[in-house]
Amino acid sequence: MKNNFEAWEVNIEEGRPGVMLAKSNLIYALARAKRQGVRVVRLIHGYGSSGPGGAIRKTCHQYLEAQQKKGAVLAYIPGEEWNIFHPKGREALDLIPHLAQDKDLGRDNRGITIIILP
């Protein structure tokens, strides 16, 4: 990581954890990112290819929504909304223009979420 505007990548699907362990890993990663002054976390959670839905993905988004309401997360953008035409994507790019270089921008990657911290 060169500066706090570059995305810090966190892979919580590695090792195929259960939902609760993946959520704990997310909570730990966000706390660590905040302590280190990181503004953007690129979360890899997978999209649920081994079954219907994607429980880790859904749980992460529910958690991030709650954290956003508390003000602990400024914004989160699911991979399918991570494009220049979606309001969430546009807002993130307006806040941090450097994110335009993200390899998944506009690729409809349901296995990632971009998180912007205050």
PDB file of N, CA and C in Angstrom:
ATOM      1  N   MET A   1       0.853  -1.172   0.000  1.00  0.00           N
ATOM      2  CA  MET A   1       0.000   0.000   0.000  1.00  0.00           C
ATOM      3  C   MET A   1       0.900   1.236   0.000  1.00  0.00           C
ATOM      4  N   LYS A   2       0.726   2.128  -0.999  1.00  0.00           N
ATOM      5  CA  LYS A   2       1.561   3.318  -1.108  1.00  0.00           C
ATOM      6  C   LYS A   2       1.009   4.489  -0.326  1.00  0.00           C
ATOM      7  N   ASN A   3      -0.323   4.650  -0.307  1.00  0.00           N
ATOM      8  CA  ASN A   3      -0.939   5.711   0.483  1.00  0.00           C
ATOM      9  C   ASN A   3      -2.338   5.266   0.884  1.00  0.00           C
ATOM     10  N   ASN A   4      -2.999   6.056   1.713  1.00  0.00           N
ATOM     11  CA  ASN A   4      -4.282   5.619   2.257  1.00  0.00           C
ATOM     12  C   ASN A   4      -5.431   5.741   1.261  1.00  0.00           C
ATOM     13  N   PHE A   5      -5.162   6.170   0.012  1.00  0.00           N
ATOM     14  CA  PHE A   5      -6.209   6.235  -0.996  1.00  0.00           C
ATOM     15  C   PHE A   5      -6.194   5.022  -1.914  1.00  0.00           C
ATOM     16  N   GLU A   6      -5.175   4.202  -1.828  1.00  0.00           N
ATOM     17  CA  GLU A   6      -5.156   2.983  -2.615  1.00  0.00           C
ATOM     18  C   GLU A   6      -5.951   1.920  -1.881  1.00  0.00           C
ATOM     19  N   ALA A   7      -6.602   1.070  -2.639  1.00  0.00           N
ATOM     20  CA  ALA A   7      -7.433   0.027  -2.035  1.00  0.00           C
ATOM     21  C   ALA A   7      -6.553  -1.013  -1.352  1.00  0.00           C
ATOM     22  N   TRP A   8      -6.929  -1.316  -0.128  1.00  0.00           N
ATOM     23  CA  TRP A   8      -6.268  -2.363   0.649  1.00  0.00           C
ATOM     24  C   TRP A   8      -7.100  -3.615   0.435  1.00  0.00           C
ATOM     25  N   GLU A   9      -6.539  -4.647  -0.166  1.00  0.00           N
ATOM     26  CA  GLU A   9      -7.297  -5.843  -0.519  1.00  0.00           C
ATOM     27  C   GLU A   9      -7.359  -6.826   0.642  1.00  0.00           C
ATOM     28  N   VAL A  10      -8.576  -7.286   0.943  1.00  0.00           N
ATOM     29  CA  VAL A  10      -8.812  -8.253   2.012  1.00  0.00           C
ATOM     30  C   VAL A  10      -9.608  -9.409   1.425  1.00  0.00           C
ATOM     31  N   ASN A  11      -9.079 -10.609   1.540  1.00  0.00           N
ATOM     32  CA  ASN A  11      -9.748 -11.801   1.003  1.00  0.00           C
ATOM     33  C   ASN A  11     -10.296 -12.633   2.156  1.00  0.00           C
ATOM     34  N   ILE A  12     -11.615 -12.549   2.388  1.00  0.00           N
ATOM     35  CA  ILE A  12     -12.206 -13.307   3.493  1.00  0.00           C
ATOM     36  C   ILE A  12     -12.785 -14.639   3.028  1.00  0.00           C
ATOM     37  N   GLU A  13     -12.668 -14.964   1.746  1.00  0.00           N
ATOM     38  CA  GLU A  13     -13.146 -16.261   1.265  1.00  0.00           C
ATOM     39  C   GLU A  13     -12.027 -17.299   1.219  1.00  0.00           C
ATOM     40  N   GLU A  14     -10.799 -16.831   1.371  1.00  0.00           N
ATOM     41  CA  GLU A  14      -9.652 -17.735   1.313  1.00  0.00           C
ATOM     42  C   GLU A  14      -9.769 -18.816   2.385  1.00  0.00           C
ATOM     43  N   GLY A  15      -9.551 -20.048   2.001  1.00  0.00           N
ATOM     44  CA  GLY A  15      -9.639 -21.167   2.924  1.00  0.00           C
ATOM     45  C   GLY A  15     -11.066 -21.670   3.135  1.00  0.00           C
ATOM     46  N   ARG A  16     -12.028 -21.088   2.417  1.00  0.00           N
ATOM     47  CA  ARG A  16     -13.434 -21.485   2.475  1.00  0.00           C
ATOM     48  C   ARG A  16     -13.992 -21.489   3.905  1.00  0.00           C
ATOM     49  N   PRO A  17     -13.923 -20.349   4.585  1.00  0.00           N
ATOM     50  CA  PRO A  17     -14.416 -20.284   5.967  1.00  0.00           C
ATOM     51  C   PRO A  17     -15.944 -20.319   6.004  1.00  0.00           C
ATOM     52  N   GLY A  18     -16.471 -20.599   7.168  1.00  0.00           N
ATOM     53  CA  GLY A  18     -17.906 -20.480   7.377  1.00  0.00           C
ATOM     54  C   GLY A  18     -18.293 -19.017   7.463  1.00  0.00           C
ATOM     55  N   VAL A  19     -19.581 -18.770   7.480  1.00  0.00           N
ATOM     56  CA  VAL A  19     -20.091 -17.402   7.480  1.00  0.00           C
ATOM     57  C   VAL A  19     -19.605 -16.617   8.694  1.00  0.00           C
ATOM     58  N   MET A  20     -19.679 -17.193   9.873  1.00  0.00           N
ATOM     59  CA  MET A  20     -19.314 -16.455  11.084  1.00  0.00           C
ATOM     60  C   MET A  20     -17.820 -16.125  11.118  1.00  0.00           C
ATOM     61  N   LEU A  21     -16.982 -17.050  10.685  1.00  0.00           N
ATOM     62  CA  LEU A  21     -15.542 -16.778  10.643  1.00  0.00           C
ATOM     63  C   LEU A  21     -15.237 -15.705   9.598  1.00  0.00           C
ATOM     64  N   ALA A  22     -15.885 -15.772   8.459  1.00  0.00           N
ATOM     65  CA  ALA A  22     -15.679 -14.760   7.423  1.00  0.00           C
ATOM     66  C   ALA A  22     -16.094 -13.381   7.931  1.00  0.00           C
ATOM     67  N   LYS A  23     -17.217 -13.308   8.630  1.00  0.00           N
ATOM     68  CA  LYS A  23     -17.666 -12.036   9.180  1.00  0.00           C
ATOM     69  C   LYS A  23     -16.672 -11.522  10.229  1.00  0.00           C
ATOM     70  N   SER A  24     -16.179 -12.396  11.071  1.00  0.00           N
ATOM     71  CA  SER A  24     -15.163 -11.999  12.064  1.00  0.00           C
ATOM     72  C   SER A  24     -13.913 -11.473  11.372  1.00  0.00           C
ATOM     73  N   ASN A  25     -13.519 -12.121  10.286  1.00  0.00           N
ATOM     74  CA  ASN A  25     -12.359 -11.666   9.529  1.00  0.00           C
ATOM     75  C   ASN A  25     -12.596 -10.279   8.928  1.00  0.00           C
ATOM     76  N   LEU A  26     -13.812 -10.032   8.471  1.00  0.00           N
ATOM     77  CA  LEU A  26     -14.171  -8.717   7.941  1.00  0.00           C
ATOM     78  C   LEU A  26     -14.087  -7.656   9.035  1.00  0.00           C
ATOM     79  N   ILE A  27     -14.662  -7.943  10.180  1.00  0.00           N
ATOM     80  CA  ILE A  27     -14.651  -6.994  11.298  1.00  0.00           C
ATOM     81  C   ILE A  27     -13.211  -6.674  11.704  1.00  0.00           C
ATOM     82  N   TYR A  28     -12.390  -7.688  11.821  1.00  0.00           N
ATOM     83  CA  TYR A  28     -10.985  -7.499  12.183  1.00  0.00           C
ATOM     84  C   TYR A  28     -10.259  -6.663  11.126  1.00  0.00           C
ATOM     85  N   ALA A  29     -10.479  -6.981   9.848  1.00  0.00           N
ATOM     86  CA  ALA A  29      -9.802  -6.273   8.760  1.00  0.00           C
ATOM     87  C   ALA A  29     -10.194  -4.801   8.730  1.00  0.00           C
ATOM     88  N   LEU A  30     -11.470  -4.499   8.943  1.00  0.00           N
ATOM     89  CA  LEU A  30     -11.905  -3.103   8.941  1.00  0.00           C
ATOM     90  C   LEU A  30     -11.313  -2.333  10.122  1.00  0.00           C
ATOM     91  N   ALA A  31     -11.266  -2.965  11.286  1.00  0.00           N
ATOM     92  CA  ALA A  31     -10.673  -2.313  12.457  1.00  0.00           C
ATOM     93  C   ALA A  31      -9.192  -2.032  12.207  1.00  0.00           C
ATOM     94  N   ARG A  32      -8.503  -2.990  11.623  1.00  0.00           N
ATOM     95  CA  ARG A  32      -7.076  -2.822  11.326  1.00  0.00           C
ATOM     96  C   ARG A  32      -6.865  -1.724  10.283  1.00  0.00           C
ATOM     97  N   ALA A  33      -7.705  -1.709   9.272  1.00  0.00           N
ATOM     98  CA  ALA A  33      -7.595  -0.681   8.232  1.00  0.00           C
ATOM     99  C   ALA A  33      -7.788   0.706   8.826  1.00  0.00           C
ATOM    100  N   LYS A  34      -8.780   0.847   9.694  1.00  0.00           N
ATOM    101  CA  LYS A  34      -9.029   2.153  10.324  1.00  0.00           C
ATOM    102  C   LYS A  34      -7.836   2.595  11.166  1.00  0.00           C
ATOM    103  N   ARG A  35      -7.274   1.654  11.928  1.00  0.00           N
ATOM    104  CA  ARG A  35      -6.108   1.984  12.762  1.00  0.00           C
ATOM    105  C   ARG A  35      -4.932   2.459  11.915  1.00  0.00           C
ATOM    106  N   GLN A  36      -4.813   1.903  10.722  1.00  0.00           N
ATOM    107  CA  GLN A  36      -3.687   2.247   9.850  1.00  0.00           C
ATOM    108  C   GLN A  36      -3.997   3.416   8.915  1.00  0.00           C
ATOM    109  N   GLY A  37      -5.177   3.994   9.038  1.00  0.00           N
ATOM    110  CA  GLY A  37      -5.520   5.151   8.232  1.00  0.00           C
ATOM    111  C   GLY A  37      -5.910   4.840   6.797  1.00  0.00           C
ATOM    112  N   VAL A  38      -6.265   3.602   6.530  1.00  0.00           N
ATOM    113  CA  VAL A  38      -6.673   3.193   5.192  1.00  0.00           C
ATOM    114  C   VAL A  38      -8.078   3.719   4.920  1.00  0.00           C
ATOM    115  N   ARG A  39      -8.304   4.274   3.756  1.00  0.00           N
ATOM    116  CA  ARG A  39      -9.621   4.803   3.392  1.00  0.00           C
ATOM    117  C   ARG A  39     -10.447   3.829   2.557  1.00  0.00           C
ATOM    118  N   VAL A  40      -9.774   2.957   1.782  1.00  0.00           N
ATOM    119  CA  VAL A  40     -10.489   2.075   0.857  1.00  0.00           C
ATOM    120  C   VAL A  40     -10.066   0.631   1.078  1.00  0.00           C
ATOM    121  N   VAL A  41     -11.075  -0.231   1.244  1.00  0.00           N
ATOM    122  CA  VAL A  41     -10.837  -1.666   1.369  1.00  0.00           C
ATOM    123  C   VAL A  41     -11.544  -2.344   0.198  1.00  0.00           C
ATOM    124  N   ARG A  42     -10.812  -3.180  -0.502  1.00  0.00           N
ATOM    125  CA  ARG A  42     -11.363  -3.974  -1.599  1.00  0.00           C
ATOM    126  C   ARG A  42     -11.576  -5.377  -1.037  1.00  0.00           C
ATOM    127  N   LEU A  43     -12.820  -5.695  -0.739  1.00  0.00           N
ATOM    128  CA  LEU A  43     -13.167  -6.938  -0.066  1.00  0.00           C
ATOM    129  C   LEU A  43     -13.471  -8.030  -1.087  1.00  0.00           C
ATOM    130  N   ILE A  44     -12.793  -9.161  -0.937  1.00  0.00           N
ATOM    131  CA  ILE A  44     -13.083 -10.337  -1.757  1.00  0.00           C
ATOM    132  C   ILE A  44     -13.837 -11.312  -0.868  1.00  0.00           C
ATOM    133  N   HIS A  45     -15.098 -11.561  -1.207  1.00  0.00           N
ATOM    134  CA  HIS A  45     -15.936 -12.446  -0.396  1.00  0.00           C
ATOM    135  C   HIS A  45     -16.514 -13.597  -1.187  1.00  0.00           C
ATOM    136  N   GLY A  46     -16.308 -13.625  -2.486  1.00  0.00           N
ATOM    137  CA  GLY A  46     -16.888 -14.660  -3.326  1.00  0.00           C
ATOM    138  C   GLY A  46     -18.349 -14.340  -3.616  1.00  0.00           C
ATOM    139  N   TYR A  47     -18.915 -15.089  -4.539  1.00  0.00           N
ATOM    140  CA  TYR A  47     -20.289 -14.819  -4.953  1.00  0.00           C
ATOM    141  C   TYR A  47     -21.231 -15.981  -4.718  1.00  0.00           C
ATOM    142  N   GLY A  48     -20.770 -17.034  -4.101  1.00  0.00           N
ATOM    143  CA  GLY A  48     -21.651 -18.144  -3.775  1.00  0.00           C
ATOM    144  C   GLY A  48     -21.773 -19.166  -4.874  1.00  0.00           C
ATOM    145  N   SER A  49     -20.674 -19.472  -5.550  1.00  0.00           N
ATOM    146  CA  SER A  49     -20.718 -20.400  -6.677  1.00  0.00           C
ATOM    147  C   SER A  49     -20.996 -21.838  -6.252  1.00  0.00           C
ATOM    148  N   SER A  50     -20.767 -22.166  -4.990  1.00  0.00           N
ATOM    149  CA  SER A  50     -20.950 -23.549  -4.561  1.00  0.00           C
ATOM    150  C   SER A  50     -22.365 -23.822  -4.059  1.00  0.00           C
ATOM    151  N   GLY A  51     -23.264 -22.893  -4.256  1.00  0.00           N
ATOM    152  CA  GLY A  51     -24.641 -23.103  -3.818  1.00  0.00           C
ATOM    153  C   GLY A  51     -25.476 -21.888  -4.123  1.00  0.00           C
ATOM    154  N   PRO A  52     -26.755 -21.944  -3.850  1.00  0.00           N
ATOM    155  CA  PRO A  52     -27.604 -20.802  -4.160  1.00  0.00           C
ATOM    156  C   PRO A  52     -27.353 -19.652  -3.196  1.00  0.00           C
ATOM    157  N   GLY A  53     -27.158 -18.477  -3.730  1.00  0.00           N
ATOM    158  CA  GLY A  53     -27.108 -17.303  -2.866  1.00  0.00           C
ATOM    159  C   GLY A  53     -25.752 -16.720  -2.617  1.00  0.00           C
ATOM    160  N   GLY A  54     -25.014 -17.265  -1.743  1.00  0.00           N
ATOM    161  CA  GLY A  54     -23.755 -16.662  -1.320  1.00  0.00           C
ATOM    162  C   GLY A  54     -23.916 -16.067   0.068  1.00  0.00           C
ATOM    163  N   ALA A  55     -23.958 -16.925   1.065  1.00  0.00           N
ATOM    164  CA  ALA A  55     -24.239 -16.496   2.437  1.00  0.00           C
ATOM    165  C   ALA A  55     -23.194 -15.515   2.960  1.00  0.00           C
ATOM    166  N   ILE A  56     -21.938 -15.715   2.625  1.00  0.00           N
ATOM    167  CA  ILE A  56     -20.899 -14.790   3.104  1.00  0.00           C
ATOM    168  C   ILE A  56     -21.128 -13.413   2.499  1.00  0.00           C
ATOM    169  N   ARG A  57     -21.392 -13.375   1.229  1.00  0.00           N
ATOM    170  CA  ARG A  57     -21.642 -12.105   0.532  1.00  0.00           C
ATOM    171  C   ARG A  57     -22.812 -11.358   1.164  1.00  0.00           C
ATOM    172  N   LYS A  58     -23.908 -12.058   1.378  1.00  0.00           N
ATOM    173  CA  LYS A  58     -25.101 -11.438   1.974  1.00  0.00           C
ATOM    174  C   LYS A  58     -24.823 -10.942   3.395  1.00  0.00           C
ATOM    175  N   THR A  59     -24.150 -11.757   4.176  1.00  0.00           N
ATOM    176  CA  THR A  59     -23.833 -11.372   5.555  1.00  0.00           C
ATOM    177  C   THR A  59     -22.926 -10.149   5.583  1.00  0.00           C
ATOM    178  N   CYS A  60     -21.947 -10.103   4.704  1.00  0.00           N
ATOM    179  CA  CYS A  60     -21.051  -8.942   4.627  1.00  0.00           C
ATOM    180  C   CYS A  60     -21.829  -7.684   4.279  1.00  0.00           C
ATOM    181  N   HIS A  61     -22.700  -7.775   3.307  1.00  0.00           N
ATOM    182  CA  HIS A  61     -23.470  -6.596   2.902  1.00  0.00           C
ATOM    183  C   HIS A  61     -24.414  -6.134   4.008  1.00  0.00           C
ATOM    184  N   GLN A  62     -25.002  -7.062   4.729  1.00  0.00           N
ATOM    185  CA  GLN A  62     -25.860  -6.680   5.861  1.00  0.00           C
ATOM    186  C   GLN A  62     -25.035  -5.972   6.933  1.00  0.00           C
ATOM    187  N   TYR A  63     -23.870  -6.506   7.224  1.00  0.00           N
ATOM    188  CA  TYR A  63     -22.992  -5.905   8.231  1.00  0.00           C
ATOM    189  C   TYR A  63     -22.551  -4.505   7.778  1.00  0.00           C
ATOM    190  N   LEU A  64     -22.148  -4.387   6.529  1.00  0.00           N
ATOM    191  CA  LEU A  64     -21.689  -3.096   6.018  1.00  0.00           C
ATOM    192  C   LEU A  64     -22.810  -2.066   5.999  1.00  0.00           C
ATOM    193  N   GLU A  65     -24.017  -2.493   5.700  1.00  0.00           N
ATOM    194  CA  GLU A  65     -25.170  -1.580   5.732  1.00  0.00           C
ATOM    195  C   GLU A  65     -25.374  -1.039   7.147  1.00  0.00           C
ATOM    196  N   ALA A  66     -25.310  -1.921   8.135  1.00  0.00           N
ATOM    197  CA  ALA A  66     -25.456  -1.494   9.534  1.00  0.00           C
ATOM    198  C   ALA A  66     -24.330  -0.545   9.938  1.00  0.00           C
ATOM    199  N   GLN A  67     -23.104  -0.839   9.504  1.00  0.00           N
ATOM    200  CA  GLN A  67     -21.965   0.016   9.832  1.00  0.00           C
ATOM    201  C   GLN A  67     -22.072   1.377   9.137  1.00  0.00           C
ATOM    202  N   GLN A  68     -22.640   1.390   7.952  1.00  0.00           N
ATOM    203  CA  GLN A  68     -22.829   2.659   7.249  1.00  0.00           C
ATOM    204  C   GLN A  68     -23.850   3.525   7.989  1.00  0.00           C
ATOM    205  N   LYS A  69     -24.916   2.907   8.483  1.00  0.00           N
ATOM    206  CA  LYS A  69     -25.924   3.657   9.240  1.00  0.00           C
ATOM    207  C   LYS A  69     -25.342   4.248  10.518  1.00  0.00           C
ATOM    208  N   LYS A  70     -24.354   3.562  11.113  1.00  0.00           N
ATOM    209  CA  LYS A  70     -23.692   4.050  12.325  1.00  0.00           C
ATOM    210  C   LYS A  70     -22.620   5.092  12.026  1.00  0.00           C
ATOM    211  N   GLY A  71     -22.242   5.215  10.764  1.00  0.00           N
ATOM    212  CA  GLY A  71     -21.184   6.139  10.393  1.00  0.00           C
ATOM    213  C   GLY A  71     -19.790   5.540  10.424  1.00  0.00           C
ATOM    214  N   ALA A  72     -19.685   4.249  10.711  1.00  0.00           N
ATOM    215  CA  ALA A  72     -18.383   3.588  10.771  1.00  0.00           C
ATOM    216  C   ALA A  72     -17.850   3.253   9.377  1.00  0.00           C
ATOM    217  N   VAL A  73     -18.746   3.195   8.396  1.00  0.00           N
ATOM    218  CA  VAL A  73     -18.400   2.989   6.994  1.00  0.00           C
ATOM    219  C   VAL A  73     -19.033   4.138   6.222  1.00  0.00           C
ATOM    220  N   LEU A  74     -18.249   4.809   5.397  1.00  0.00           N
ATOM    221  CA  LEU A  74     -18.782   5.925   4.617  1.00  0.00           C
ATOM    222  C   LEU A  74     -19.667   5.409   3.481  1.00  0.00           C
ATOM    223  N   ALA A  75     -19.189   4.374   2.794  1.00  0.00           N
ATOM    224  CA  ALA A  75     -19.949   3.797   1.686  1.00  0.00           C
ATOM    225  C   ALA A  75     -19.426   2.395   1.404  1.00  0.00           C
ATOM    226  N   TYR A  76     -20.281   1.574   0.804  1.00  0.00           N
ATOM    227  CA  TYR A  76     -19.829   0.294   0.275  1.00  0.00           C
ATOM    228  C   TYR A  76     -20.524   0.079  -1.060  1.00  0.00           C
ATOM    229  N   ILE A  77     -19.793  -0.488  -1.991  1.00  0.00           N
ATOM    230  CA  ILE A  77     -20.302  -0.671  -3.336  1.00  0.00           C
ATOM    231  C   ILE A  77     -20.145  -2.134  -3.727  1.00  0.00           C
ATOM    232  N   PRO A  78     -21.253  -2.883  -3.791  1.00  0.00           N
ATOM    233  CA  PRO A  78     -21.176  -4.264  -4.256  1.00  0.00           C
ATOM    234  C   PRO A  78     -20.618  -4.318  -5.678  1.00  0.00           C
ATOM    235  N   GLY A  79     -19.949  -5.392  -6.009  1.00  0.00           N
ATOM    236  CA  GLY A  79     -19.306  -5.530  -7.313  1.00  0.00           C
ATOM    237  C   GLY A  79     -20.223  -5.308  -8.495  1.00  0.00           C
ATOM    238  N   GLU A  80     -21.480  -5.723  -8.386  1.00  0.00           N
ATOM    239  CA  GLU A  80     -22.407  -5.539  -9.501  1.00  0.00           C
ATOM    240  C   GLU A  80     -22.835  -4.074  -9.674  1.00  0.00           C
ATOM    241  N   GLU A  81     -22.556  -3.244  -8.679  1.00  0.00           N
ATOM    242  CA  GLU A  81     -22.858  -1.815  -8.750  1.00  0.00           C
ATOM    243  C   GLU A  81     -21.587  -0.989  -8.957  1.00  0.00           C
ATOM    244  N   TRP A  82     -20.443  -1.672  -9.064  1.00  0.00           N
ATOM    245  CA  TRP A  82     -19.161  -1.007  -9.173  1.00  0.00           C
ATOM    246  C   TRP A  82     -18.892  -0.660 -10.637  1.00  0.00           C
ATOM    247  N   ASN A  83     -19.529   0.430 -11.083  1.00  0.00           N
ATOM    248  CA  ASN A  83     -19.323   0.928 -12.432  1.00  0.00           C
ATOM    249  C   ASN A  83     -19.596   2.431 -12.451  1.00  0.00           C
ATOM    250  N   ILE A  84     -19.202   3.065 -13.528  1.00  0.00           N
ATOM    251  CA  ILE A  84     -19.309   4.527 -13.600  1.00  0.00           C
ATOM    252  C   ILE A  84     -20.736   5.017 -13.773  1.00  0.00           C
ATOM    253  N   PHE A  85     -21.657   4.116 -14.078  1.00  0.00           N
ATOM    254  CA  PHE A  85     -23.036   4.512 -14.328  1.00  0.00           C
ATOM    255  C   PHE A  85     -23.951   4.348 -13.124  1.00  0.00           C
ATOM    256  N   HIS A  86     -23.527   3.564 -12.142  1.00  0.00           N
ATOM    257  CA  HIS A  86     -24.346   3.355 -10.950  1.00  0.00           C
ATOM    258  C   HIS A  86     -24.084   4.497  -9.966  1.00  0.00           C
ATOM    259  N   PRO A  87     -25.124   5.021  -9.311  1.00  0.00           N
ATOM    260  CA  PRO A  87     -24.914   6.131  -8.363  1.00  0.00           C
ATOM    261  C   PRO A  87     -23.881   5.834  -7.271  1.00  0.00           C
ATOM    262  N   LYS A  88     -23.881   4.605  -6.737  1.00  0.00           N
ATOM    263  CA  LYS A  88     -22.888   4.276  -5.705  1.00  0.00           C
ATOM    264  C   LYS A  88     -21.478   4.294  -6.271  1.00  0.00           C
ATOM    265  N   GLY A  89     -21.312   3.761  -7.465  1.00  0.00           N
ATOM    266  CA  GLY A  89     -20.002   3.763  -8.103  1.00  0.00           C
ATOM    267  C   GLY A  89     -19.538   5.173  -8.418  1.00  0.00           C
ATOM    268  N   ARG A  90     -20.436   5.974  -8.939  1.00  0.00           N
ATOM    269  CA  ARG A  90     -20.112   7.362  -9.277  1.00  0.00           C
ATOM    270  C   ARG A  90     -19.705   8.150  -8.026  1.00  0.00           C
ATOM    271  N   GLU A  91     -20.455   7.950  -6.927  1.00  0.00           N
ATOM    272  CA  GLU A  91     -20.143   8.638  -5.671  1.00  0.00           C
ATOM    273  C   GLU A  91     -18.749   8.260  -5.174  1.00  0.00           C
ATOM    274  N   ALA A  92     -18.432   6.966  -5.237  1.00  0.00           N
ATOM    275  CA  ALA A  92     -17.110   6.514  -4.784  1.00  0.00           C
ATOM    276  C   ALA A  92     -16.005   7.123  -5.634  1.00  0.00           C
ATOM    277  N   LEU A  93     -16.213   7.177  -6.935  1.00  0.00           N
ATOM    278  CA  LEU A  93     -15.208   7.745  -7.832  1.00  0.00           C
ATOM    279  C   LEU A  93     -15.069   9.252  -7.640  1.00  0.00           C
ATOM    280  N   ASP A  94     -16.165   9.916  -7.302  1.00  0.00           N
ATOM    281  CA  ASP A  94     -16.091  11.349  -7.010  1.00  0.00           C
ATOM    282  C   ASP A  94     -15.286  11.596  -5.727  1.00  0.00           C
ATOM    283  N   LEU A  95     -15.463  10.718  -4.734  1.00  0.00           N
ATOM    284  CA  LEU A  95     -14.728  10.853  -3.469  1.00  0.00           C
ATOM    285  C   LEU A  95     -13.247  10.538  -3.639  1.00  0.00           C
ATOM    286  N   ILE A  96     -12.968   9.469  -4.382  1.00  0.00           N
ATOM    287  CA  ILE A  96     -11.592   8.995  -4.537  1.00  0.00           C
ATOM    288  C   ILE A  96     -11.365   8.640  -6.006  1.00  0.00           C
ATOM    289  N   PRO A  97     -11.018   9.619  -6.822  1.00  0.00           N
ATOM    290  CA  PRO A  97     -10.864   9.402  -8.267  1.00  0.00           C
ATOM    291  C   PRO A  97      -9.877   8.292  -8.639  1.00  0.00           C
ATOM    292  N   HIS A  98      -8.875   8.065  -7.796  1.00  0.00           N
ATOM    293  CA  HIS A  98      -7.870   7.025  -8.063  1.00  0.00           C
ATOM    294  C   HIS A  98      -8.503   5.640  -8.226  1.00  0.00           C
ATOM    295  N   LEU A  99      -9.703   5.448  -7.682  1.00  0.00           N
ATOM    296  CA  LEU A  99     -10.374   4.156  -7.798  1.00  0.00           C
ATOM    297  C   LEU A  99     -10.754   3.807  -9.229  1.00  0.00           C
ATOM    298  N   ALA A 100     -10.693   4.767 -10.126  1.00  0.00           N
ATOM    299  CA  ALA A 100     -10.987   4.505 -11.539  1.00  0.00           C
ATOM    300  C   ALA A 100     -10.019   3.489 -12.132  1.00  0.00           C
ATOM    301  N   GLN A 101      -8.893   3.258 -11.456  1.00  0.00           N
ATOM    302  CA  GLN A 101      -7.903   2.290 -11.926  1.00  0.00           C
ATOM    303  C   GLN A 101      -8.167   0.875 -11.425  1.00  0.00           C
ATOM    304  N   ASP A 102      -9.209   0.688 -10.609  1.00  0.00           N
ATOM    305  CA  ASP A 102      -9.500  -0.642 -10.064  1.00  0.00           C
ATOM    306  C   ASP A 102      -9.798  -1.627 -11.194  1.00  0.00           C
ATOM    307  N   LYS A 103      -9.201  -2.798 -11.124  1.00  0.00           N
ATOM    308  CA  LYS A 103      -9.322  -3.785 -12.201  1.00  0.00           C
ATOM    309  C   LYS A 103     -10.745  -4.321 -12.378  1.00  0.00           C
ATOM    310  N   ASP A 104     -11.590  -4.209 -11.365  1.00  0.00           N
ATOM    311  CA  ASP A 104     -12.950  -4.731 -11.474  1.00  0.00           C
ATOM    312  C   ASP A 104     -14.003  -3.675 -11.771  1.00  0.00           C
ATOM    313  N   LEU A 105     -13.605  -2.442 -11.935  1.00  0.00           N
ATOM    314  CA  LEU A 105     -14.554  -1.387 -12.254  1.00  0.00           C
ATOM    315  C   LEU A 105     -15.232  -1.719 -13.588  1.00  0.00           C
ATOM    316  N   GLY A 106     -16.560  -1.801 -13.551  1.00  0.00           N
ATOM    317  CA  GLY A 106     -17.335  -2.086 -14.756  1.00  0.00           C
ATOM    318  C   GLY A 106     -17.384  -3.534 -15.180  1.00  0.00           C
ATOM    319  N   ARG A 107     -16.913  -4.464 -14.334  1.00  0.00           N
ATOM    320  CA  ARG A 107     -16.863  -5.879 -14.723  1.00  0.00           C
ATOM    321  C   ARG A 107     -17.974  -6.725 -14.103  1.00  0.00           C
ATOM    322  N   ASP A 108     -18.870  -6.120 -13.315  1.00  0.00           N
ATOM    323  CA  ASP A 108     -19.988  -6.844 -12.706  1.00  0.00           C
ATOM    324  C   ASP A 108     -19.518  -8.050 -11.884  1.00  0.00           C
ATOM    325  N   ASN A 109     -18.456  -7.857 -11.112  1.00  0.00           N
ATOM    326  CA  ASN A 109     -17.887  -8.932 -10.301  1.00  0.00           C
ATOM    327  C   ASN A 109     -18.625  -9.012  -8.964  1.00  0.00           C
ATOM    328  N   ARG A 110     -19.546  -9.946  -8.846  1.00  0.00           N
ATOM    329  CA  ARG A 110     -20.347 -10.107  -7.631  1.00  0.00           C
ATOM    330  C   ARG A 110     -19.538 -10.667  -6.458  1.00  0.00           C
ATOM    331  N   GLY A 111     -18.304 -11.034  -6.690  1.00  0.00           N
ATOM    332  CA  GLY A 111     -17.469 -11.610  -5.648  1.00  0.00           C
ATOM    333  C   GLY A 111     -16.657 -10.591  -4.852  1.00  0.00           C
ATOM    334  N   ILE A 112     -16.836  -9.295  -5.161  1.00  0.00           N
ATOM    335  CA  ILE A 112     -16.091  -8.248  -4.451  1.00  0.00           C
ATOM    336  C   ILE A 112     -17.033  -7.154  -3.970  1.00  0.00           C
ATOM    337  N   THR A 113     -16.547  -6.369  -3.033  1.00  0.00           N
ATOM    338  CA  THR A 113     -17.226  -5.166  -2.583  1.00  0.00           C
ATOM    339  C   THR A 113     -16.158  -4.126  -2.273  1.00  0.00           C
ATOM    340  N   ILE A 114     -16.392  -2.903  -2.707  1.00  0.00           N
ATOM    341  CA  ILE A 114     -15.494  -1.785  -2.403  1.00  0.00           C
ATOM    342  C   ILE A 114     -16.052  -1.086  -1.168  1.00  0.00           C
ATOM    343  N   ILE A 115     -15.194  -0.858  -0.168  1.00  0.00           N
ATOM    344  CA  ILE A 115     -15.615  -0.224   1.081  1.00  0.00           C
ATOM    345  C   ILE A 115     -14.801   1.054   1.252  1.00  0.00           C
ATOM    346  N   ILE A 116     -15.507   2.154   1.542  1.00  0.00           N
ATOM    347  CA  ILE A 116     -14.836   3.423   1.797  1.00  0.00           C
ATOM    348  C   ILE A 116     -15.051   3.772   3.260  1.00  0.00           C
ATOM    349  N   LEU A 117     -13.952   3.986   3.959  1.00  0.00           N
ATOM    350  CA  LEU A 117     -13.991   4.312   5.374  1.00  0.00           C
ATOM    351  C   LEU A 117     -13.925   5.824   5.572  1.00  0.00           C
ATOM    352  N   PRO A 118     -14.517   6.314   6.658  1.00  0.00           N
ATOM    353  CA  PRO A 118     -14.480   7.764   6.909  1.00  0.00           C
ATOM    354  C   PRO A 118     -13.068   8.274   7.180  1.00  0.00           C
TER     355      PRO A 118
END
